[in-house]
Amino acid sequence: MPDFEITLRRNIDRRSAWCVAAHDAVAGGMLLGGADPADRWIRWLAVRRSHRGRGVGAALVEQALVLFPPPCTIRLDTFGDDSAEGAAARRLYLRYGFEPGEMVGQGPEGGSRQRFVLTRRWLPG
């Protein structure tokens, strides 16, 4: 994403973004949204190529789950299955219980986009 760190810094100040730092660089970050506590969004999640496969994406998803407690629905749009580069992101979201949903158009790189949804409910205790 162009202006990766600038966008993160601006939104961290607004408390709508989180990042994982590694040494003197940002390893990954996410932008969050959703004014309604029952309808939340991971607007954007990215991990630098040099830091992929090290748990950065998982740490960010886990932070979103802490910030968006049940009951709520968390949505995100990610690469469609026609994008080999997006396969790891899709596996990550599936691992956390997100379910693939409707196709939602094209991404800037030309591949398809698909919405993933996680419905979090209170469990009887």
C-alpha atoms as a PDB file:
ATOM      1  CA  MET A   1       0.000   0.000   0.000  1.00  0.00           C
ATOM      2  CA  PRO A   2       1.371   3.416  -0.870  1.00  0.00           C
ATOM      3  CA  ASP A   3       2.076   5.571   2.176  1.00  0.00           C
ATOM      4  CA  PHE A   4       1.803   2.496   4.416  1.00  0.00           C
ATOM      5  CA  GLU A   5       3.482   4.027   7.471  1.00  0.00           C
ATOM      6  CA  ILE A   6       2.003   7.525   7.036  1.00  0.00           C
ATOM      7  CA  THR A   7      -1.512   6.090   6.910  1.00  0.00           C
ATOM      8  CA  LEU A   8      -0.852   3.950   9.987  1.00  0.00           C
ATOM      9  CA  ARG A   9       0.623   6.799  12.038  1.00  0.00           C
ATOM     10  CA  ARG A  10      -2.298   9.113  11.262  1.00  0.00           C
ATOM     11  CA  ASN A  11      -4.840   6.466  12.244  1.00  0.00           C
ATOM     12  CA  ILE A  12      -2.960   5.238  15.317  1.00  0.00           C
ATOM     13  CA  ASP A  13      -3.393   8.743  16.712  1.00  0.00           C
ATOM     14  CA  ARG A  14      -7.155   8.320  16.128  1.00  0.00           C
ATOM     15  CA  ARG A  15      -7.057   4.855  17.761  1.00  0.00           C
ATOM     16  CA  SER A  16      -8.392   3.267  14.586  1.00  0.00           C
ATOM     17  CA  ALA A  17      -5.155   1.531  13.599  1.00  0.00           C
ATOM     18  CA  TRP A  18      -2.666  -0.853  15.153  1.00  0.00           C
ATOM     19  CA  CYS A  19       0.757  -1.994  14.060  1.00  0.00           C
ATOM     20  CA  VAL A  20       3.497  -4.478  14.830  1.00  0.00           C
ATOM     21  CA  ALA A  21       6.945  -2.909  14.956  1.00  0.00           C
ATOM     22  CA  ALA A  22      10.153  -4.783  14.189  1.00  0.00           C
ATOM     23  CA  HIS A  23      13.374  -2.990  15.011  1.00  0.00           C
ATOM     24  CA  ASP A  24      13.087   0.394  13.276  1.00  0.00           C
ATOM     25  CA  ALA A  25      10.327  -0.476  10.781  1.00  0.00           C
ATOM     26  CA  VAL A  26       6.649  -1.352  10.768  1.00  0.00           C
ATOM     27  CA  ALA A  27       6.253  -5.077  10.109  1.00  0.00           C
ATOM     28  CA  GLY A  28       2.494  -4.924   9.631  1.00  0.00           C
ATOM     29  CA  GLY A  29      -0.572  -2.896  10.382  1.00  0.00           C
ATOM     30  CA  MET A  30      -4.336  -2.790  10.257  1.00  0.00           C
ATOM     31  CA  LEU A  31      -7.036  -0.157  10.052  1.00  0.00           C
ATOM     32  CA  LEU A  32     -10.249  -0.767  11.950  1.00  0.00           C
ATOM     33  CA  GLY A  33     -13.724   0.640  11.559  1.00  0.00           C
ATOM     34  CA  GLY A  34     -17.374   0.353  12.329  1.00  0.00           C
ATOM     35  CA  ALA A  35     -19.273   2.906  14.383  1.00  0.00           C
ATOM     36  CA  ASP A  36     -21.874   0.341  15.470  1.00  0.00           C
ATOM     37  CA  PRO A  37     -20.431  -1.974  18.175  1.00  0.00           C
ATOM     38  CA  ALA A  38     -22.341  -4.874  16.617  1.00  0.00           C
ATOM     39  CA  ASP A  39     -20.966  -4.273  13.099  1.00  0.00           C
ATOM     40  CA  ARG A  40     -17.159  -4.001  13.009  1.00  0.00           C
ATOM     41  CA  TRP A  41     -14.621  -3.972  10.184  1.00  0.00           C
ATOM     42  CA  ILE A  42     -11.004  -4.749   9.573  1.00  0.00           C
ATOM     43  CA  ARG A  43     -10.739  -2.173   6.811  1.00  0.00           C
ATOM     44  CA  TRP A  44      -7.222  -3.085   5.822  1.00  0.00           C
ATOM     45  CA  LEU A  45      -4.525  -5.463   7.074  1.00  0.00           C
ATOM     46  CA  ALA A  46      -1.066  -5.705   5.536  1.00  0.00           C
ATOM     47  CA  VAL A  47       2.224  -7.363   6.436  1.00  0.00           C
ATOM     48  CA  ARG A  48       5.518  -6.411   4.791  1.00  0.00           C
ATOM     49  CA  ARG A  49       6.862  -9.156   2.555  1.00  0.00           C
ATOM     50  CA  SER A  50      10.033  -9.330   4.640  1.00  0.00           C
ATOM     51  CA  HIS A  51       8.000 -10.144   7.780  1.00  0.00           C
ATOM     52  CA  ARG A  52       5.461 -12.625   6.415  1.00  0.00           C
ATOM     53  CA  GLY A  53       5.277 -16.071   7.976  1.00  0.00           C
ATOM     54  CA  ARG A  54       6.381 -14.772  11.389  1.00  0.00           C
ATOM     55  CA  GLY A  55       3.019 -14.344  13.127  1.00  0.00           C
ATOM     56  CA  VAL A  56       2.560 -10.642  12.410  1.00  0.00           C
ATOM     57  CA  GLY A  57      -0.809 -11.107  10.683  1.00  0.00           C
ATOM     58  CA  ALA A  58      -2.002 -13.416  13.469  1.00  0.00           C
ATOM     59  CA  ALA A  59      -1.014 -10.861  16.117  1.00  0.00           C
ATOM     60  CA  LEU A  60      -3.021  -8.190  14.314  1.00  0.00           C
ATOM     61  CA  VAL A  61      -6.121 -10.388  13.931  1.00  0.00           C
ATOM     62  CA  GLU A  62      -5.885 -11.343  17.607  1.00  0.00           C
ATOM     63  CA  GLN A  63      -5.742  -7.646  18.554  1.00  0.00           C
ATOM     64  CA  ALA A  64      -8.890  -7.015  16.499  1.00  0.00           C
ATOM     65  CA  LEU A  65     -10.632  -9.846  18.368  1.00  0.00           C
ATOM     66  CA  VAL A  66      -9.686  -8.226  21.689  1.00  0.00           C
ATOM     67  CA  LEU A  67     -10.939  -4.827  20.533  1.00  0.00           C
ATOM     68  CA  PHE A  68     -14.159  -6.231  19.058  1.00  0.00           C
ATOM     69  CA  PRO A  69     -15.606  -8.491  21.780  1.00  0.00           C
ATOM     70  CA  PRO A  70     -18.785 -10.510  21.276  1.00  0.00           C
ATOM     71  CA  PRO A  71     -21.516 -10.083  20.406  1.00  0.00           C
ATOM     72  CA  CYS A  72     -20.575  -8.550  17.073  1.00  0.00           C
ATOM     73  CA  THR A  73     -19.938  -9.263  13.427  1.00  0.00           C
ATOM     74  CA  ILE A  74     -16.484  -8.546  12.033  1.00  0.00           C
ATOM     75  CA  ARG A  75     -16.148  -8.145   8.277  1.00  0.00           C
ATOM     76  CA  LEU A  76     -13.164  -7.708   6.006  1.00  0.00           C
ATOM     77  CA  ASP A  77     -12.489  -7.757   2.281  1.00  0.00           C
ATOM     78  CA  THR A  78      -9.472  -9.719   1.088  1.00  0.00           C
ATOM     79  CA  PHE A  79      -8.024 -11.294  -2.022  1.00  0.00           C
ATOM     80  CA  GLY A  80     -10.216 -13.674  -3.984  1.00  0.00           C
ATOM     81  CA  ASP A  81      -9.019 -17.223  -4.532  1.00  0.00           C
ATOM     82  CA  ASP A  82      -7.752 -16.192  -7.979  1.00  0.00           C
ATOM     83  CA  SER A  83      -4.817 -14.429  -6.272  1.00  0.00           C
ATOM     84  CA  ALA A  84      -1.919 -16.703  -5.346  1.00  0.00           C
ATOM     85  CA  GLU A  85      -0.391 -13.885  -3.294  1.00  0.00           C
ATOM     86  CA  GLY A  86      -3.537 -13.690  -1.161  1.00  0.00           C
ATOM     87  CA  ALA A  87      -3.611 -17.393  -0.244  1.00  0.00           C
ATOM     88  CA  ALA A  88      -1.822 -16.886   3.089  1.00  0.00           C
ATOM     89  CA  ALA A  89      -4.200 -14.090   4.103  1.00  0.00           C
ATOM     90  CA  ARG A  90      -7.219 -16.242   3.282  1.00  0.00           C
ATOM     91  CA  ARG A  91      -5.803 -19.146   5.345  1.00  0.00           C
ATOM     92  CA  LEU A  92      -5.190 -16.767   8.257  1.00  0.00           C
ATOM     93  CA  TYR A  93      -8.779 -15.528   8.302  1.00  0.00           C
ATOM     94  CA  LEU A  94     -10.167 -19.056   7.969  1.00  0.00           C
ATOM     95  CA  ARG A  95      -8.026 -20.176  10.912  1.00  0.00           C
ATOM     96  CA  TYR A  96      -9.707 -17.540  13.106  1.00  0.00           C
ATOM     97  CA  GLY A  97     -13.197 -18.625  12.077  1.00  0.00           C
ATOM     98  CA  PHE A  98     -13.976 -16.078   9.364  1.00  0.00           C
ATOM     99  CA  GLU A  99     -16.208 -17.486   6.665  1.00  0.00           C
ATOM    100  CA  PRO A 100     -15.868 -16.583   2.979  1.00  0.00           C
ATOM    101  CA  GLY A 101     -18.837 -14.671   1.658  1.00  0.00           C
ATOM    102  CA  GLU A 102     -19.818 -12.677  -1.365  1.00  0.00           C
ATOM    103  CA  MET A 103     -17.438 -11.464  -4.052  1.00  0.00           C
ATOM    104  CA  VAL A 104     -17.100  -7.682  -3.793  1.00  0.00           C
ATOM    105  CA  GLY A 105     -15.331  -6.531  -6.936  1.00  0.00           C
ATOM    106  CA  GLN A 106     -11.746  -6.029  -8.017  1.00  0.00           C
ATOM    107  CA  GLY A 107      -8.711  -4.901  -6.075  1.00  0.00           C
ATOM    108  CA  PRO A 108      -6.249  -2.280  -7.288  1.00  0.00           C
ATOM    109  CA  GLU A 109      -3.873  -5.015  -8.477  1.00  0.00           C
ATOM    110  CA  GLY A 110      -6.610  -6.440 -10.723  1.00  0.00           C
ATOM    111  CA  GLY A 111      -7.556  -9.583  -8.804  1.00  0.00           C
ATOM    112  CA  SER A 112     -10.935 -10.257  -7.278  1.00  0.00           C
ATOM    113  CA  ARG A 113     -11.956  -9.375  -3.722  1.00  0.00           C
ATOM    114  CA  GLN A 114     -14.066 -11.455  -1.383  1.00  0.00           C
ATOM    115  CA  ARG A 115     -15.771 -10.503   1.873  1.00  0.00           C
ATOM    116  CA  PHE A 116     -15.018 -12.654   4.914  1.00  0.00           C
ATOM    117  CA  VAL A 117     -17.311 -12.542   7.956  1.00  0.00           C
ATOM    118  CA  LEU A 118     -16.888 -13.624  11.565  1.00  0.00           C
ATOM    119  CA  THR A 119     -20.025 -13.678  13.710  1.00  0.00           C
ATOM    120  CA  ARG A 120     -19.135 -13.587  17.397  1.00  0.00           C
ATOM    121  CA  ARG A 121     -21.835 -14.618  19.846  1.00  0.00           C
ATOM    122  CA  TRP A 122     -21.913 -14.789  23.614  1.00  0.00           C
ATOM    123  CA  LEU A 123     -21.660 -18.348  24.757  1.00  0.00           C
ATOM    124  CA  PRO A 124     -23.716 -19.398  27.770  1.00  0.00           C
ATOM    125  CA  GLY A 125     -21.433 -19.596  30.758  1.00  0.00           C
END
